[in-house]
Amino acid sequence: SRWLSVHLRDMMSLPANVRDDFKKGWVIQKDPKRFSAIPIDQCHEQENAKVKGKGGAIGLTENPETSRKWIVVGP
């Protein structure tokens, strides 16, 4: 919290075009709730965990046919 004022000053001093870029695409809104957006890299990690967590990606390299199907229809 000590650095919040410095962060705000830095954000306010950014050029207008950079500020507009920050508003566009640095986060992903996965839920319609306000203030629930998460960074893009965190979203990628969550999606990877979904695939790997429930046995989705287990054994794909062992069977070439299964691997081919995964490449075609996987997320």
Protein backbone atom coordinates (compact mmCIF):
# COMPACT_ATOMS: atom_id res chain seq x y z
CA SER A 1 0.00 0.00 0.00
CA ARG A 2 2.99 2.32 0.41
CA TRP A 3 3.62 2.30 -3.33
CA LEU A 4 0.02 2.89 -4.41
CA SER A 5 0.51 6.65 -4.75
CA VAL A 6 3.63 6.08 -6.88
CA HIS A 7 1.79 3.57 -9.06
CA LEU A 8 -1.13 5.95 -9.56
CA ARG A 9 1.23 8.80 -10.47
CA ASP A 10 3.03 6.56 -12.97
CA MET A 11 -0.24 5.45 -14.55
CA MET A 12 -1.52 9.02 -14.80
CA SER A 13 1.71 10.16 -16.48
CA LEU A 14 1.53 7.55 -19.26
CA PRO A 15 0.97 8.84 -22.79
CA ALA A 16 -2.65 8.66 -23.98
CA ASN A 17 -2.01 5.91 -26.55
CA VAL A 18 -0.38 3.66 -23.92
CA ARG A 19 -3.23 4.34 -21.49
CA ASP A 20 -5.72 3.28 -24.18
CA ASP A 21 -3.78 0.04 -24.71
CA PHE A 22 -4.05 -0.74 -21.01
CA LYS A 23 -7.83 -0.30 -21.20
CA LYS A 24 -8.17 -2.67 -24.16
CA GLY A 25 -6.63 -6.04 -23.61
CA TRP A 26 -4.54 -6.74 -20.57
CA VAL A 27 -7.20 -8.74 -18.74
CA ILE A 28 -9.92 -11.27 -19.52
CA GLN A 29 -13.43 -11.10 -18.12
CA LYS A 30 -14.46 -14.71 -17.41
CA ASP A 31 -17.40 -13.75 -15.23
CA PRO A 32 -19.99 -10.96 -15.68
CA LYS A 33 -19.35 -9.72 -12.13
CA ARG A 34 -17.78 -6.31 -11.86
CA PHE A 35 -14.04 -6.23 -11.02
CA SER A 36 -13.60 -9.95 -11.66
CA ALA A 37 -11.22 -9.67 -14.64
CA ILE A 38 -7.95 -11.58 -14.42
CA PRO A 39 -4.62 -11.18 -16.26
CA ILE A 40 -4.25 -13.05 -19.54
CA ASP A 41 -1.42 -15.29 -18.28
CA GLN A 42 -3.47 -16.33 -15.23
CA CYS A 43 -6.37 -17.24 -17.53
CA HIS A 44 -4.05 -19.40 -19.64
CA GLU A 45 -2.83 -21.19 -16.51
CA GLN A 46 -6.41 -21.86 -15.40
CA GLU A 47 -7.32 -23.30 -18.80
CA ASN A 48 -4.19 -25.49 -18.78
CA ALA A 49 -5.16 -26.75 -15.32
CA LYS A 50 -8.63 -27.69 -16.60
CA VAL A 51 -7.13 -29.78 -19.39
CA LYS A 52 -4.52 -31.48 -17.24
CA GLY A 53 -6.45 -31.77 -13.98
CA LYS A 54 -9.17 -34.24 -14.92
CA GLY A 55 -7.08 -36.63 -16.98
CA GLY A 56 -7.68 -34.71 -20.19
CA ALA A 57 -4.07 -34.58 -21.30
CA ILE A 58 -2.88 -37.80 -19.66
CA GLY A 59 -1.73 -40.46 -22.09
CA LEU A 60 -2.01 -38.38 -25.24
CA THR A 61 1.57 -39.04 -26.24
CA GLU A 62 1.23 -42.79 -25.84
CA ASN A 63 -1.38 -43.28 -28.55
CA PRO A 64 -0.85 -41.53 -31.93
CA GLU A 65 -4.56 -41.75 -32.87
CA THR A 66 -5.65 -40.11 -29.62
CA SER A 67 -2.99 -37.47 -30.03
CA ARG A 68 -4.23 -36.67 -33.55
CA LYS A 69 -7.81 -36.33 -32.34
CA TRP A 70 -6.71 -34.01 -29.54
CA ILE A 71 -4.85 -31.76 -31.98
CA VAL A 72 -7.93 -31.51 -34.21
CA VAL A 73 -10.67 -30.98 -31.64
CA GLY A 74 -8.81 -29.85 -28.50
CA PRO A 75 -9.16 -26.37 -27.02
